[in-house]
């Protein structure tokens, strides 16, 4: 089962847009919104509704699995795993007292 993680969506949008050498204005025009409105999505100031997200994903050709999982890099997976291990270790220490 895939756990939905939309926290990285703004960074994913930017990564794919830049990879396609598109400007924010290009994407915004495809979505029928202003460049400023799209910039707010990409910098995390606004959250896209599902319809807008699906349209952006289509324009930028982003695999939905990347959106659903947050497209974590190997380094992010290691960092996240280390954080989880540390948190669990700290919790276990509380029970040892």
N, C-alpha and C. Protein backbone atom coordinates (compact mmCIF):
# COMPACT_ATOMS: atom_id res chain seq x y z
N UNK A 1 0.84 -1.18 0.00
CA UNK A 1 0.00 0.00 0.00
C UNK A 1 0.88 1.25 0.00
N UNK A 2 0.57 2.21 -0.83
CA UNK A 2 1.32 3.45 -0.92
C UNK A 2 0.72 4.48 0.02
N UNK A 3 1.57 5.09 0.82
CA UNK A 3 1.12 6.15 1.72
C UNK A 3 1.22 7.48 0.97
N UNK A 4 0.13 8.20 0.90
CA UNK A 4 0.09 9.47 0.20
C UNK A 4 0.88 10.52 0.96
N UNK A 5 1.78 11.20 0.27
CA UNK A 5 2.62 12.23 0.88
C UNK A 5 2.71 13.40 -0.09
N UNK A 6 1.97 14.47 0.19
CA UNK A 6 1.94 15.62 -0.70
C UNK A 6 2.86 16.74 -0.25
N UNK A 7 3.63 16.51 0.81
CA UNK A 7 4.51 17.55 1.34
C UNK A 7 5.53 18.05 0.33
N UNK A 8 6.00 17.18 -0.53
CA UNK A 8 7.04 17.54 -1.49
C UNK A 8 6.49 18.00 -2.84
N UNK A 9 5.17 18.11 -2.96
CA UNK A 9 4.57 18.46 -4.24
C UNK A 9 5.13 19.76 -4.83
N UNK A 10 5.27 20.84 -4.05
CA UNK A 10 5.84 22.05 -4.65
C UNK A 10 7.23 21.83 -5.24
N UNK A 11 8.09 21.12 -4.54
CA UNK A 11 9.45 20.86 -5.04
C UNK A 11 9.41 19.96 -6.27
N UNK A 12 8.49 19.02 -6.29
CA UNK A 12 8.37 18.12 -7.45
C UNK A 12 7.92 18.91 -8.68
N UNK A 13 6.94 19.79 -8.49
CA UNK A 13 6.49 20.63 -9.60
C UNK A 13 7.65 21.43 -10.18
N UNK A 14 8.43 22.04 -9.31
CA UNK A 14 9.56 22.86 -9.75
C UNK A 14 10.61 22.01 -10.46
N UNK A 15 10.93 20.85 -9.88
CA UNK A 15 11.94 19.96 -10.46
C UNK A 15 11.55 19.56 -11.89
N UNK A 16 10.33 19.14 -12.08
CA UNK A 16 9.90 18.71 -13.41
C UNK A 16 9.78 19.89 -14.37
N UNK A 17 9.29 21.03 -13.88
CA UNK A 17 9.18 22.20 -14.74
C UNK A 17 10.55 22.62 -15.25
N UNK A 18 11.51 22.71 -14.33
CA UNK A 18 12.87 23.09 -14.73
C UNK A 18 13.49 22.04 -15.64
N UNK A 19 13.20 20.77 -15.38
CA UNK A 19 13.72 19.69 -16.22
C UNK A 19 13.21 19.77 -17.65
N UNK A 20 12.01 20.30 -17.81
CA UNK A 20 11.44 20.47 -19.15
C UNK A 20 11.78 21.84 -19.73
N UNK A 21 12.58 22.60 -18.99
CA UNK A 21 12.97 23.95 -19.41
C UNK A 21 11.76 24.83 -19.71
N UNK A 22 10.78 24.72 -18.83
CA UNK A 22 9.58 25.54 -18.93
C UNK A 22 9.63 26.63 -17.87
N UNK A 23 9.04 27.76 -18.18
CA UNK A 23 8.93 28.82 -17.19
C UNK A 23 7.65 28.62 -16.38
N UNK A 24 7.58 29.31 -15.25
CA UNK A 24 6.33 29.27 -14.48
C UNK A 24 5.18 29.79 -15.33
N UNK A 25 5.47 30.79 -16.15
CA UNK A 25 4.44 31.36 -17.03
C UNK A 25 3.92 30.32 -18.02
N UNK A 26 4.83 29.50 -18.56
CA UNK A 26 4.41 28.45 -19.50
C UNK A 26 3.41 27.49 -18.84
N UNK A 27 3.75 27.05 -17.64
CA UNK A 27 2.86 26.11 -16.93
C UNK A 27 1.56 26.80 -16.57
N UNK A 28 1.66 28.03 -16.08
CA UNK A 28 0.47 28.78 -15.69
C UNK A 28 -0.50 28.94 -16.86
N UNK A 29 0.05 29.26 -18.03
CA UNK A 29 -0.80 29.41 -19.22
C UNK A 29 -1.50 28.10 -19.55
N UNK A 30 -0.79 26.99 -19.42
CA UNK A 30 -1.41 25.69 -19.66
C UNK A 30 -2.52 25.37 -18.67
N UNK A 31 -2.38 25.91 -17.47
CA UNK A 31 -3.39 25.69 -16.44
C UNK A 31 -4.51 26.73 -16.48
N UNK A 32 -4.29 27.79 -17.24
CA UNK A 32 -5.29 28.85 -17.32
C UNK A 32 -5.31 29.75 -16.10
N UNK A 33 -4.13 29.91 -15.47
CA UNK A 33 -4.02 30.77 -14.29
C UNK A 33 -2.87 31.75 -14.50
N UNK A 34 -2.73 32.69 -13.58
CA UNK A 34 -1.63 33.65 -13.69
C UNK A 34 -0.31 33.01 -13.26
N UNK A 35 0.79 33.61 -13.69
CA UNK A 35 2.10 33.13 -13.28
C UNK A 35 2.24 33.25 -11.76
N UNK A 36 1.71 34.33 -11.18
CA UNK A 36 1.80 34.53 -9.73
C UNK A 36 1.05 33.44 -8.97
N UNK A 37 -0.10 33.04 -9.49
CA UNK A 37 -0.87 31.97 -8.84
C UNK A 37 -0.10 30.66 -8.89
N UNK A 38 0.51 30.36 -10.06
CA UNK A 38 1.30 29.14 -10.16
C UNK A 38 2.51 29.19 -9.25
N UNK A 39 3.17 30.35 -9.18
CA UNK A 39 4.34 30.51 -8.31
C UNK A 39 3.96 30.20 -6.86
N UNK A 40 2.77 30.59 -6.45
CA UNK A 40 2.31 30.29 -5.09
C UNK A 40 2.16 28.79 -4.86
N UNK A 41 1.74 28.06 -5.88
CA UNK A 41 1.67 26.59 -5.75
C UNK A 41 3.08 26.02 -5.63
N UNK A 42 3.98 26.51 -6.48
CA UNK A 42 5.32 25.96 -6.53
C UNK A 42 6.15 26.30 -5.30
N UNK A 43 5.86 27.41 -4.65
CA UNK A 43 6.62 27.75 -3.44
C UNK A 43 5.88 27.35 -2.16
N UNK A 44 4.75 26.66 -2.31
CA UNK A 44 4.04 26.12 -1.16
C UNK A 44 3.14 27.09 -0.43
N UNK A 45 2.94 28.28 -0.98
CA UNK A 45 2.05 29.26 -0.33
C UNK A 45 0.58 28.93 -0.54
N UNK A 46 0.30 28.21 -1.62
CA UNK A 46 -1.06 27.76 -1.92
C UNK A 46 -1.02 26.27 -2.22
N UNK A 47 -2.14 25.61 -2.03
CA UNK A 47 -2.25 24.17 -2.29
C UNK A 47 -3.20 23.95 -3.46
N UNK A 48 -2.75 23.19 -4.44
CA UNK A 48 -3.59 22.90 -5.61
C UNK A 48 -4.74 21.97 -5.22
N UNK A 49 -5.90 22.21 -5.83
CA UNK A 49 -6.97 21.23 -5.68
C UNK A 49 -6.65 20.06 -6.60
N UNK A 50 -7.37 18.98 -6.47
CA UNK A 50 -7.06 17.76 -7.22
C UNK A 50 -7.12 17.97 -8.72
N UNK A 51 -8.11 18.71 -9.20
CA UNK A 51 -8.23 18.96 -10.64
C UNK A 51 -7.01 19.71 -11.16
N UNK A 52 -6.60 20.76 -10.46
CA UNK A 52 -5.45 21.56 -10.88
C UNK A 52 -4.18 20.71 -10.84
N UNK A 53 -4.05 19.88 -9.80
CA UNK A 53 -2.88 19.01 -9.68
C UNK A 53 -2.82 18.02 -10.84
N UNK A 54 -3.94 17.43 -11.18
CA UNK A 54 -3.97 16.48 -12.30
C UNK A 54 -3.58 17.15 -13.61
N UNK A 55 -4.03 18.38 -13.80
CA UNK A 55 -3.68 19.11 -15.02
C UNK A 55 -2.19 19.46 -15.05
N UNK A 56 -1.64 19.87 -13.90
CA UNK A 56 -0.21 20.19 -13.82
C UNK A 56 0.63 18.94 -14.08
N UNK A 57 0.21 17.83 -13.50
CA UNK A 57 0.91 16.56 -13.70
C UNK A 57 0.93 16.19 -15.18
N UNK A 58 -0.18 16.42 -15.87
CA UNK A 58 -0.25 16.12 -17.30
C UNK A 58 0.66 17.05 -18.10
N UNK A 59 0.63 18.33 -17.79
CA UNK A 59 1.46 19.30 -18.51
C UNK A 59 2.94 18.99 -18.34
N UNK A 60 3.33 18.66 -17.11
CA UNK A 60 4.73 18.43 -16.80
C UNK A 60 5.16 16.98 -16.96
N UNK A 61 4.20 16.10 -17.29
CA UNK A 61 4.47 14.68 -17.48
C UNK A 61 5.13 14.07 -16.23
N UNK A 62 4.53 14.35 -15.09
CA UNK A 62 5.04 13.83 -13.81
C UNK A 62 4.37 12.49 -13.53
N UNK A 63 5.15 11.45 -13.24
CA UNK A 63 4.53 10.17 -12.84
C UNK A 63 3.74 10.36 -11.54
N UNK A 64 2.51 9.89 -11.52
CA UNK A 64 1.67 10.06 -10.32
C UNK A 64 2.32 9.43 -9.09
N UNK A 65 3.11 8.39 -9.27
CA UNK A 65 3.78 7.77 -8.13
C UNK A 65 4.72 8.76 -7.46
N UNK A 66 5.33 9.66 -8.24
CA UNK A 66 6.20 10.68 -7.66
C UNK A 66 5.40 11.64 -6.80
N UNK A 67 4.22 12.03 -7.27
CA UNK A 67 3.36 12.92 -6.49
C UNK A 67 2.87 12.20 -5.25
N UNK A 68 2.42 10.96 -5.41
CA UNK A 68 1.82 10.21 -4.30
C UNK A 68 2.81 9.90 -3.19
N UNK A 69 4.06 9.63 -3.57
CA UNK A 69 5.04 9.23 -2.55
C UNK A 69 5.95 10.37 -2.12
N UNK A 70 5.84 11.51 -2.79
CA UNK A 70 6.71 12.62 -2.45
C UNK A 70 8.03 12.57 -3.18
N UNK A 71 8.22 11.57 -4.04
CA UNK A 71 9.44 11.44 -4.87
C UNK A 71 10.71 11.69 -4.07
N UNK A 72 10.86 10.96 -3.00
CA UNK A 72 12.05 11.15 -2.17
C UNK A 72 13.29 10.62 -2.87
N UNK A 73 14.37 11.37 -2.75
CA UNK A 73 15.66 10.92 -3.28
C UNK A 73 16.24 9.88 -2.32
N UNK A 74 17.28 9.19 -2.76
CA UNK A 74 17.93 8.22 -1.89
C UNK A 74 18.41 8.87 -0.60
N UNK A 75 18.96 10.08 -0.74
CA UNK A 75 19.45 10.80 0.45
C UNK A 75 18.31 11.11 1.41
N UNK A 76 17.16 11.51 0.85
CA UNK A 76 16.00 11.82 1.69
C UNK A 76 15.48 10.56 2.39
N UNK A 77 15.52 9.43 1.69
CA UNK A 77 15.08 8.17 2.29
C UNK A 77 15.98 7.83 3.47
N UNK A 78 17.30 7.95 3.28
CA UNK A 78 18.25 7.67 4.36
C UNK A 78 18.02 8.62 5.52
N UNK A 79 17.90 9.92 5.21
CA UNK A 79 17.69 10.92 6.26
C UNK A 79 16.39 10.65 7.02
N UNK A 80 15.34 10.34 6.30
CA UNK A 80 14.05 10.05 6.93
C UNK A 80 14.16 8.79 7.79
N UNK A 81 14.83 7.78 7.29
CA UNK A 81 14.99 6.54 8.04
C UNK A 81 15.79 6.78 9.33
N UNK A 82 16.84 7.58 9.22
CA UNK A 82 17.65 7.89 10.40
C UNK A 82 16.82 8.65 11.44
N UNK A 83 15.98 9.57 10.97
CA UNK A 83 15.12 10.32 11.88
C UNK A 83 14.14 9.39 12.59
N UNK A 84 13.54 8.48 11.84
CA UNK A 84 12.58 7.53 12.43
C UNK A 84 13.28 6.64 13.45
N UNK A 85 14.46 6.14 13.11
CA UNK A 85 15.22 5.29 14.03
C UNK A 85 15.56 6.05 15.30
N UNK A 86 15.98 7.29 15.14
CA UNK A 86 16.31 8.12 16.30
C UNK A 86 15.08 8.34 17.19
N UNK A 87 13.95 8.64 16.58
CA UNK A 87 12.73 8.85 17.35
C UNK A 87 12.32 7.58 18.09
N UNK A 88 12.40 6.44 17.41
CA UNK A 88 12.05 5.18 18.05
C UNK A 88 13.01 4.85 19.19
N UNK A 89 14.28 5.13 18.97
CA UNK A 89 15.29 4.90 20.01
C UNK A 89 14.99 5.75 21.24
N UNK A 90 14.65 7.01 21.02
CA UNK A 90 14.31 7.90 22.14
C UNK A 90 13.07 7.42 22.88
N UNK A 91 12.10 6.91 22.15
CA UNK A 91 10.88 6.39 22.80
C UNK A 91 11.20 5.15 23.63
N UNK A 92 12.07 4.28 23.10
CA UNK A 92 12.43 3.08 23.83
C UNK A 92 13.17 3.42 25.12
N UNK A 93 14.00 4.45 25.07
CA UNK A 93 14.72 4.88 26.26
C UNK A 93 13.76 5.32 27.35
N UNK A 94 12.63 5.90 26.97
CA UNK A 94 11.63 6.31 27.96
C UNK A 94 11.05 5.10 28.69
N UNK A 95 10.90 3.98 27.98
CA UNK A 95 10.35 2.78 28.59
C UNK A 95 11.36 2.04 29.47
N UNK A 96 12.65 2.27 29.21
CA UNK A 96 13.70 1.61 29.99
C UNK A 96 13.87 2.23 31.37
N UNK A 97 13.31 3.36 31.60
CA UNK A 97 13.50 4.06 32.88
C UNK A 97 12.74 3.42 34.00
